[in-house]
Every structure is written in C-alpha cells, then in structure tokens.
Amino acid sequence: MREMNIERPIVSRNRDIDAILSRSGQADPIGLKVTEEFRKLFKKEMRLCVRKGFAVEECFGFVWEETADATRLTELQTSRLYPELLDWVQAGMR
C-alpha cells in the first residue's frame, strides 16, 4: 500500500469566497455545482470506506483521487476543498 500524505497544502483559506462571488455575479454556477458535488461524493465515500473497516488515513488519499477524477475539479476548487475536507476528517467526519 502506498504511503498517504494528508498534510495541508499552503493555500489561503476563505470559506466565504464562493458566497461573495455569488452575490457579486462573478461566480461560475457550474463551478459551484461541481464543488458541491465533489463535497457530497467525497463525504459519502469516506464514510463508506471507514465503515468497511479501513483507517481514515488509508481512505483519504484514495477517496480524494477517485472523487477528483469523477468530478474534474479545477486547481482553485481543489485548493479550497482540500483543507475544508481535511478539517472535516480530522474532526471525526461529523
């Protein structure tokens, strides 16, 4: 099994940026839809993986890559979602 690295990338983290862009009319609705689709699918697959008895550390990288392949995130979307979902996993996936 390959080693899983779940360190945070060095990115600026602002959870309100999508809301700000939406209000200003600058947001890409398709991009926001992809982000939400990724978030839901990632959380679902992480829960399933852990329920099957795998450790969170084993699941994170695999589920991230599989979900990213299925949704085709941009680099900007990835830089926003990665720290958010890493925090979610570290908080016990609640």
C-alpha atoms as a PDB file:
ATOM      1  CA  MET A   1       0.000   0.000   0.000  1.00  0.00           C
ATOM      2  CA  ARG A   2       1.339   3.419  -0.844  1.00  0.00           C
ATOM      3  CA  GLU A   3       2.035   5.977   1.837  1.00  0.00           C
ATOM      4  CA  MET A   4      -0.717   8.543   2.357  1.00  0.00           C
ATOM      5  CA  ASN A   5       0.225  12.160   2.824  1.00  0.00           C
ATOM      6  CA  ILE A   6      -2.596  14.254   4.295  1.00  0.00           C
ATOM      7  CA  GLU A   7      -0.674  17.417   5.011  1.00  0.00           C
ATOM      8  CA  ARG A   8      -2.393  20.651   4.147  1.00  0.00           C
ATOM      9  CA  PRO A   9      -1.329  22.495   1.036  1.00  0.00           C
ATOM     10  CA  ILE A  10      -0.210  26.066   1.558  1.00  0.00           C
ATOM     11  CA  VAL A  11      -3.284  27.974   0.444  1.00  0.00           C
ATOM     12  CA  SER A  12      -5.326  30.912   1.558  1.00  0.00           C
ATOM     13  CA  ARG A  13      -8.468  29.640   3.220  1.00  0.00           C
ATOM     14  CA  ASN A  14     -11.653  31.660   2.967  1.00  0.00           C
ATOM     15  CA  ARG A  15     -14.893  29.720   3.189  1.00  0.00           C
ATOM     16  CA  ASP A  16     -16.989  32.770   2.341  1.00  0.00           C
ATOM     17  CA  ILE A  17     -15.399  33.446  -1.023  1.00  0.00           C
ATOM     18  CA  ASP A  18     -17.995  31.491  -3.026  1.00  0.00           C
ATOM     19  CA  ALA A  19     -20.817  33.384  -1.329  1.00  0.00           C
ATOM     20  CA  ILE A  20     -19.116  36.716  -2.006  1.00  0.00           C
ATOM     21  CA  LEU A  21     -18.578  35.842  -5.655  1.00  0.00           C
ATOM     22  CA  SER A  22     -22.184  34.662  -5.988  1.00  0.00           C
ATOM     23  CA  ARG A  23     -23.530  37.963  -4.670  1.00  0.00           C
ATOM     24  CA  SER A  24     -21.254  39.917  -6.979  1.00  0.00           C
ATOM     25  CA  GLY A  25     -22.371  37.931 -10.028  1.00  0.00           C
ATOM     26  CA  GLN A  26     -18.820  36.706 -10.695  1.00  0.00           C
ATOM     27  CA  ALA A  27     -19.283  33.095  -9.629  1.00  0.00           C
ATOM     28  CA  ASP A  28     -19.471  30.292 -12.117  1.00  0.00           C
ATOM     29  CA  PRO A  29     -22.654  28.387 -11.226  1.00  0.00           C
ATOM     30  CA  ILE A  30     -21.312  25.249 -12.877  1.00  0.00           C
ATOM     31  CA  GLY A  31     -18.115  25.524 -10.856  1.00  0.00           C
ATOM     32  CA  LEU A  32     -20.097  25.878  -7.635  1.00  0.00           C
ATOM     33  CA  LYS A  33     -22.184  22.864  -8.605  1.00  0.00           C
ATOM     34  CA  VAL A  34     -19.050  20.786  -9.205  1.00  0.00           C
ATOM     35  CA  THR A  35     -17.638  21.872  -5.840  1.00  0.00           C
ATOM     36  CA  GLU A  36     -20.805  20.839  -4.017  1.00  0.00           C
ATOM     37  CA  GLU A  37     -20.995  17.582  -5.967  1.00  0.00           C
ATOM     38  CA  PHE A  38     -17.387  16.800  -5.004  1.00  0.00           C
ATOM     39  CA  ARG A  39     -18.007  17.624  -1.340  1.00  0.00           C
ATOM     40  CA  LYS A  40     -21.081  15.356  -1.126  1.00  0.00           C
ATOM     41  CA  LEU A  41     -19.479  12.474  -3.010  1.00  0.00           C
ATOM     42  CA  PHE A  42     -16.235  12.689  -1.014  1.00  0.00           C
ATOM     43  CA  LYS A  43     -18.053  12.615   2.330  1.00  0.00           C
ATOM     44  CA  LYS A  44     -20.249   9.721   1.243  1.00  0.00           C
ATOM     45  CA  GLU A  45     -17.296   7.661   0.005  1.00  0.00           C
ATOM     46  CA  MET A  46     -15.191   8.433   3.096  1.00  0.00           C
ATOM     47  CA  ARG A  47     -17.974   7.206   5.365  1.00  0.00           C
ATOM     48  CA  LEU A  48     -18.372   4.026   3.302  1.00  0.00           C
ATOM     49  CA  CYS A  49     -14.641   3.355   3.301  1.00  0.00           C
ATOM     50  CA  VAL A  50     -14.375   3.755   7.084  1.00  0.00           C
ATOM     51  CA  ARG A  51     -17.485   1.586   7.624  1.00  0.00           C
ATOM     52  CA  LYS A  52     -15.756  -1.178   5.673  1.00  0.00           C
ATOM     53  CA  GLY A  53     -13.048  -1.187   8.328  1.00  0.00           C
ATOM     54  CA  PHE A  54     -10.305   0.856   6.695  1.00  0.00           C
ATOM     55  CA  ALA A  55      -8.450   3.532   8.637  1.00  0.00           C
ATOM     56  CA  VAL A  56      -9.215   7.161   7.829  1.00  0.00           C
ATOM     57  CA  GLU A  57      -5.590   7.610   6.745  1.00  0.00           C
ATOM     58  CA  GLU A  58      -5.946   4.727   4.277  1.00  0.00           C
ATOM     59  CA  CYS A  59      -9.151   6.134   2.820  1.00  0.00           C
ATOM     60  CA  PHE A  60      -8.379   9.843   2.481  1.00  0.00           C
ATOM     61  CA  GLY A  61      -5.976   9.845  -0.456  1.00  0.00           C
ATOM     62  CA  PHE A  62      -7.725   7.086  -2.340  1.00  0.00           C
ATOM     63  CA  VAL A  63     -11.168   8.657  -1.947  1.00  0.00           C
ATOM     64  CA  TRP A  64      -9.808  12.132  -2.784  1.00  0.00           C
ATOM     65  CA  GLU A  65      -8.258  10.956  -6.053  1.00  0.00           C
ATOM     66  CA  GLU A  66     -11.234   8.860  -7.112  1.00  0.00           C
ATOM     67  CA  THR A  67     -13.654  11.698  -6.367  1.00  0.00           C
ATOM     68  CA  ALA A  68     -11.450  14.251  -8.129  1.00  0.00           C
ATOM     69  CA  ASP A  69     -11.348  12.043 -11.223  1.00  0.00           C
ATOM     70  CA  ALA A  70     -15.140  11.752 -11.176  1.00  0.00           C
ATOM     71  CA  THR A  71     -15.824  15.484 -10.803  1.00  0.00           C
ATOM     72  CA  ARG A  72     -12.902  17.224 -12.555  1.00  0.00           C
ATOM     73  CA  LEU A  73     -12.086  19.985 -10.082  1.00  0.00           C
ATOM     74  CA  THR A  74     -10.030  22.988 -11.070  1.00  0.00           C
ATOM     75  CA  GLU A  75      -6.882  23.836  -9.105  1.00  0.00           C
ATOM     76  CA  LEU A  76      -8.726  26.685  -7.395  1.00  0.00           C
ATOM     77  CA  GLN A  77     -11.590  24.420  -6.357  1.00  0.00           C
ATOM     78  CA  THR A  78      -9.093  21.840  -5.106  1.00  0.00           C
ATOM     79  CA  SER A  79      -7.209  24.437  -3.066  1.00  0.00           C
ATOM     80  CA  ARG A  80     -10.446  25.436  -1.335  1.00  0.00           C
ATOM     81  CA  LEU A  81     -11.881  21.986  -0.736  1.00  0.00           C
ATOM     82  CA  TYR A  82      -8.768  20.146   0.418  1.00  0.00           C
ATOM     83  CA  PRO A  83      -8.285  21.996   3.728  1.00  0.00           C
ATOM     84  CA  GLU A  84     -12.033  22.059   4.377  1.00  0.00           C
ATOM     85  CA  LEU A  85     -12.401  18.306   3.928  1.00  0.00           C
ATOM     86  CA  LEU A  86      -9.179  17.570   5.781  1.00  0.00           C
ATOM     87  CA  ASP A  87     -10.590  19.501   8.762  1.00  0.00           C
ATOM     88  CA  TRP A  88     -13.852  17.559   8.434  1.00  0.00           C
ATOM     89  CA  VAL A  89     -11.996  14.239   8.523  1.00  0.00           C
ATOM     90  CA  GLN A  90      -9.807  15.299  11.439  1.00  0.00           C
ATOM     91  CA  ALA A  91     -12.911  16.421  13.366  1.00  0.00           C
ATOM     92  CA  GLY A  92     -14.286  12.904  13.178  1.00  0.00           C
ATOM     93  CA  MET A  93     -16.337  13.236   9.967  1.00  0.00           C
ATOM     94  CA  ARG A  94     -19.298  14.819  11.753  1.00  0.00           C
END
